């Protein structure tokens, strides 16, 4: 009995990994920003930074691209590792488990 396991295509796993990374960073952003905005701003501080709109712009400009770049780098490393290990069959989802 030689049953082979059919694996999902690599891009499905890559999209899932990127979505999990973005979700984790978004949850971290929400709790961090909630804690930041819960305390009153310092009198000599930058008052424009103490609202959700500004913090959301910071998330979209700074944290989201950094997260996508880091997760994309990890996905590219995984793809190369699978390609070299299984000769390209595994990374496209057409191969079978050894």
N, C-alpha and C. Protein backbone atom coordinates (compact mmCIF):
# COMPACT_ATOMS: atom_id res chain seq x y z
N UNK A 1 0.84 -1.18 0.00
CA UNK A 1 0.00 0.00 0.00
C UNK A 1 0.88 1.24 0.00
N UNK A 2 1.01 1.84 -1.13
CA UNK A 2 1.82 3.02 -1.27
C UNK A 2 0.92 4.20 -1.58
N UNK A 3 0.38 4.80 -0.54
CA UNK A 3 -0.50 5.95 -0.72
C UNK A 3 0.33 7.22 -0.63
N UNK A 4 0.07 8.11 -1.55
CA UNK A 4 0.78 9.38 -1.58
C UNK A 4 -0.11 10.48 -1.04
N UNK A 5 0.50 11.38 -0.33
CA UNK A 5 -0.21 12.53 0.23
C UNK A 5 -0.13 13.67 -0.76
N UNK A 6 -1.25 14.18 -1.19
CA UNK A 6 -1.25 15.32 -2.11
C UNK A 6 -1.23 16.60 -1.28
N UNK A 7 -0.20 17.40 -1.50
CA UNK A 7 -0.02 18.62 -0.74
C UNK A 7 -0.67 19.80 -1.44
N UNK A 8 -1.10 20.83 -0.68
CA UNK A 8 -1.69 22.01 -1.33
C UNK A 8 -0.62 22.78 -2.10
N UNK A 9 -1.06 23.60 -3.03
CA UNK A 9 -0.13 24.41 -3.79
C UNK A 9 0.58 25.38 -2.86
N UNK A 10 1.79 25.70 -3.24
CA UNK A 10 2.62 26.55 -2.38
C UNK A 10 2.02 27.93 -2.20
N UNK A 11 1.41 28.50 -3.22
CA UNK A 11 0.90 29.86 -3.11
C UNK A 11 -0.24 29.95 -2.10
N UNK A 12 -1.00 28.88 -1.91
CA UNK A 12 -2.07 28.89 -0.91
C UNK A 12 -1.46 28.98 0.49
N UNK A 13 -0.41 28.23 0.72
CA UNK A 13 0.27 28.27 2.01
C UNK A 13 0.94 29.63 2.21
N UNK A 14 1.52 30.19 1.16
CA UNK A 14 2.18 31.50 1.25
C UNK A 14 1.19 32.60 1.59
N UNK A 15 0.02 32.59 0.96
CA UNK A 15 -1.00 33.60 1.25
C UNK A 15 -1.50 33.43 2.69
N UNK A 16 -1.66 32.20 3.13
CA UNK A 16 -2.10 31.97 4.51
C UNK A 16 -1.05 32.47 5.51
N UNK A 17 0.22 32.23 5.23
CA UNK A 17 1.28 32.70 6.13
C UNK A 17 1.31 34.23 6.19
N UNK A 18 1.18 34.88 5.04
CA UNK A 18 1.17 36.34 5.01
C UNK A 18 -0.06 36.89 5.75
N UNK A 19 -1.21 36.25 5.58
CA UNK A 19 -2.42 36.70 6.27
C UNK A 19 -2.30 36.54 7.78
N UNK A 20 -1.70 35.46 8.21
CA UNK A 20 -1.50 35.25 9.65
C UNK A 20 -0.54 36.30 10.21
N UNK A 21 0.52 36.60 9.47
CA UNK A 21 1.48 37.62 9.92
C UNK A 21 0.83 38.99 10.01
N UNK A 22 0.06 39.37 9.00
CA UNK A 22 -0.62 40.67 9.03
C UNK A 22 -1.66 40.72 10.14
N UNK A 23 -2.38 39.63 10.36
CA UNK A 23 -3.37 39.59 11.44
C UNK A 23 -2.71 39.74 12.81
N UNK A 24 -1.59 39.06 13.00
CA UNK A 24 -0.89 39.15 14.28
C UNK A 24 -0.39 40.57 14.54
N UNK A 25 0.16 41.21 13.51
CA UNK A 25 0.66 42.58 13.67
C UNK A 25 -0.50 43.54 13.86
N UNK A 26 -1.63 43.32 13.21
CA UNK A 26 -2.80 44.19 13.39
C UNK A 26 -3.35 44.09 14.81
N UNK A 27 -3.37 42.88 15.36
CA UNK A 27 -3.83 42.72 16.74
C UNK A 27 -2.86 43.40 17.70
N UNK A 28 -1.56 43.22 17.47
CA UNK A 28 -0.56 43.90 18.29
C UNK A 28 -0.73 45.42 18.18
N UNK A 29 -0.95 45.93 16.98
CA UNK A 29 -1.14 47.36 16.77
C UNK A 29 -2.35 47.86 17.53
N UNK A 30 -3.45 47.12 17.50
CA UNK A 30 -4.67 47.56 18.18
C UNK A 30 -4.44 47.69 19.69
N UNK A 31 -3.86 46.67 20.30
CA UNK A 31 -3.66 46.72 21.74
C UNK A 31 -2.61 47.76 22.14
N UNK A 32 -1.56 47.91 21.34
CA UNK A 32 -0.55 48.93 21.63
C UNK A 32 -1.12 50.33 21.51
N UNK A 33 -1.90 50.56 20.47
CA UNK A 33 -2.49 51.88 20.26
C UNK A 33 -3.56 52.17 21.31
N UNK A 34 -4.33 51.17 21.69
CA UNK A 34 -5.33 51.37 22.75
C UNK A 34 -4.66 51.78 24.05
N UNK A 35 -3.54 51.14 24.38
CA UNK A 35 -2.81 51.50 25.60
C UNK A 35 -2.21 52.89 25.49
N UNK A 36 -1.72 53.25 24.31
CA UNK A 36 -1.14 54.57 24.11
C UNK A 36 -2.19 55.67 24.24
N UNK A 37 -3.36 55.44 23.66
CA UNK A 37 -4.40 56.46 23.67
C UNK A 37 -5.21 56.48 24.96
N UNK A 38 -5.01 55.50 25.83
CA UNK A 38 -5.75 55.46 27.09
C UNK A 38 -5.24 56.49 28.09
N UNK A 39 -3.98 56.86 27.98
CA UNK A 39 -3.40 57.84 28.91
C UNK A 39 -3.47 59.22 28.26
N UNK A 40 -3.58 60.26 29.06
CA UNK A 40 -3.62 61.60 28.46
C UNK A 40 -2.26 61.97 27.87
N UNK A 41 -2.28 62.71 26.78
CA UNK A 41 -1.01 63.09 26.15
C UNK A 41 -0.24 64.06 27.04
N UNK A 42 1.07 64.05 26.93
CA UNK A 42 1.85 65.01 27.71
C UNK A 42 1.56 66.44 27.22
N UNK A 43 1.62 67.41 28.11
CA UNK A 43 1.26 68.78 27.70
C UNK A 43 2.21 69.35 26.63
N UNK A 44 3.45 68.96 26.64
CA UNK A 44 4.40 69.49 25.66
C UNK A 44 4.59 68.53 24.49
N UNK A 45 3.78 67.47 24.41
CA UNK A 45 3.95 66.46 23.37
C UNK A 45 3.25 66.84 22.08
N UNK A 46 3.40 66.00 21.10
CA UNK A 46 2.74 66.20 19.82
C UNK A 46 1.31 65.68 19.92
N UNK A 47 0.35 66.59 19.99
CA UNK A 47 -1.04 66.20 20.20
C UNK A 47 -1.64 65.49 18.99
N UNK A 48 -1.13 65.76 17.80
CA UNK A 48 -1.68 65.13 16.60
C UNK A 48 -1.45 63.62 16.59
N UNK A 49 -0.47 63.17 17.33
CA UNK A 49 -0.17 61.74 17.34
C UNK A 49 -1.10 60.96 18.26
N UNK A 50 -1.91 61.63 19.02
CA UNK A 50 -2.78 60.96 19.99
C UNK A 50 -4.20 60.83 19.46
N UNK A 51 -4.35 60.24 18.29
CA UNK A 51 -5.67 59.88 17.77
C UNK A 51 -5.54 58.66 16.87
N UNK A 52 -6.66 57.99 16.64
CA UNK A 52 -6.66 56.75 15.89
C UNK A 52 -6.27 56.96 14.43
N UNK A 53 -6.66 58.08 13.85
CA UNK A 53 -6.34 58.33 12.44
C UNK A 53 -4.84 58.37 12.18
N UNK A 54 -4.12 59.12 13.01
CA UNK A 54 -2.68 59.22 12.85
C UNK A 54 -2.02 57.87 13.08
N UNK A 55 -2.45 57.16 14.10
CA UNK A 55 -1.87 55.86 14.40
C UNK A 55 -2.15 54.85 13.28
N UNK A 56 -3.32 54.94 12.65
CA UNK A 56 -3.62 54.06 11.53
C UNK A 56 -2.72 54.37 10.33
N UNK A 57 -2.46 55.65 10.08
CA UNK A 57 -1.54 56.02 9.00
C UNK A 57 -0.14 55.48 9.29
N UNK A 58 0.30 55.58 10.54
CA UNK A 58 1.62 55.04 10.91
C UNK A 58 1.65 53.54 10.68
N UNK A 59 0.58 52.86 11.02
CA UNK A 59 0.52 51.41 10.80
C UNK A 59 0.63 51.07 9.32
N UNK A 60 -0.14 51.78 8.49
CA UNK A 60 -0.17 51.48 7.06
C UNK A 60 1.16 51.85 6.39
N UNK A 61 1.81 52.91 6.85
CA UNK A 61 3.04 53.36 6.20
C UNK A 61 4.27 52.63 6.73
N UNK A 62 4.28 52.29 8.03
CA UNK A 62 5.49 51.72 8.63
C UNK A 62 5.35 50.22 8.88
N UNK A 63 4.37 49.83 9.68
CA UNK A 63 4.30 48.45 10.16
C UNK A 63 3.81 47.46 9.12
N UNK A 64 2.83 47.83 8.32
CA UNK A 64 2.30 46.90 7.32
C UNK A 64 3.33 46.56 6.25
N UNK A 65 4.02 47.55 5.64
CA UNK A 65 5.05 47.16 4.67
C UNK A 65 6.20 46.35 5.28
N UNK A 66 6.58 46.70 6.50
CA UNK A 66 7.66 45.94 7.15
C UNK A 66 7.22 44.49 7.39
N UNK A 67 5.99 44.30 7.79
CA UNK A 67 5.48 42.95 8.01
C UNK A 67 5.42 42.16 6.70
N UNK A 68 4.92 42.80 5.65
CA UNK A 68 4.83 42.11 4.36
C UNK A 68 6.22 41.80 3.81
N UNK A 69 7.17 42.71 4.00
CA UNK A 69 8.53 42.46 3.53
C UNK A 69 9.17 41.30 4.29
N UNK A 70 9.01 41.28 5.59
CA UNK A 70 9.60 40.21 6.40
C UNK A 70 8.94 38.86 6.09
N UNK A 71 7.61 38.84 6.02
CA UNK A 71 6.95 37.57 5.73
C UNK A 71 7.23 37.13 4.29
N UNK A 72 7.34 38.08 3.35
CA UNK A 72 7.68 37.72 1.98
C UNK A 72 9.08 37.14 1.88
N UNK A 73 10.00 37.69 2.67
CA UNK A 73 11.36 37.14 2.70
C UNK A 73 11.36 35.71 3.24
N UNK A 74 10.61 35.49 4.31
CA UNK A 74 10.52 34.13 4.87
C UNK A 74 9.87 33.16 3.88
N UNK A 75 8.85 33.62 3.17
CA UNK A 75 8.19 32.77 2.18
C UNK A 75 9.13 32.45 1.03
N UNK A 76 9.92 33.43 0.60
CA UNK A 76 10.88 33.19 -0.48
C UNK A 76 11.95 32.18 -0.05
N UNK A 77 12.40 32.28 1.19
CA UNK A 77 13.38 31.31 1.71
C UNK A 77 12.76 29.92 1.77
N UNK A 78 11.52 29.82 2.21
CA UNK A 78 10.85 28.52 2.25
C UNK A 78 10.69 27.95 0.85
N UNK A 79 10.34 28.79 -0.10
CA UNK A 79 10.16 28.33 -1.48
C UNK A 79 11.47 27.79 -2.04
N UNK A 80 12.56 28.51 -1.81
CA UNK A 80 13.86 28.04 -2.30
C UNK A 80 14.27 26.75 -1.62
N UNK A 81 14.01 26.64 -0.32
CA UNK A 81 14.36 25.42 0.40
C UNK A 81 13.56 24.22 -0.13
N UNK A 82 12.27 24.42 -0.36
CA UNK A 82 11.47 23.32 -0.90
C UNK A 82 11.87 22.99 -2.33
N UNK A 83 12.20 24.01 -3.10
CA UNK A 83 12.60 23.79 -4.49
C UNK A 83 13.90 22.99 -4.57
N UNK A 84 14.85 23.33 -3.69
CA UNK A 84 16.12 22.60 -3.72
C UNK A 84 15.97 21.20 -3.12
N UNK A 85 15.09 21.04 -2.17
CA UNK A 85 14.91 19.74 -1.52
C UNK A 85 14.15 18.77 -2.40
N UNK A 86 13.09 19.26 -3.06
CA UNK A 86 12.22 18.37 -3.81
C UNK A 86 12.28 18.61 -5.32
N UNK A 87 13.21 19.40 -5.77
CA UNK A 87 13.39 19.59 -7.20
C UNK A 87 12.28 20.37 -7.88
N UNK A 88 11.60 21.23 -7.17
CA UNK A 88 10.55 22.04 -7.76
C UNK A 88 9.19 21.40 -7.77
N UNK A 89 9.10 20.10 -7.55
CA UNK A 89 7.80 19.44 -7.57
C UNK A 89 6.96 19.84 -6.38
N UNK A 90 7.57 19.87 -5.22
CA UNK A 90 6.84 20.15 -3.99
C UNK A 90 6.35 21.59 -3.92
N UNK A 91 7.17 22.52 -4.41
CA UNK A 91 6.80 23.92 -4.28
C UNK A 91 5.63 24.30 -5.17
N UNK A 92 5.33 23.49 -6.18
CA UNK A 92 4.21 23.79 -7.05
C UNK A 92 2.97 22.99 -6.68
N UNK A 93 3.08 22.08 -5.73
CA UNK A 93 1.93 21.31 -5.29
C UNK A 93 1.65 20.07 -6.13
N UNK A 94 2.49 19.76 -7.10
CA UNK A 94 2.26 18.60 -7.96
C UNK A 94 2.98 17.36 -7.48
N UNK A 95 3.89 17.54 -6.55
CA UNK A 95 4.69 16.40 -6.10
C UNK A 95 3.99 15.62 -5.01
N UNK A 96 4.63 14.56 -4.65
CA UNK A 96 4.12 13.71 -3.59
C UNK A 96 5.12 13.66 -2.45
N UNK A 97 4.63 13.36 -1.29
CA UNK A 97 5.52 13.24 -0.14
C UNK A 97 6.44 12.04 -0.33
N UNK A 98 7.68 12.14 0.13
CA UNK A 98 8.62 11.02 -0.06
C UNK A 98 8.23 9.82 0.76
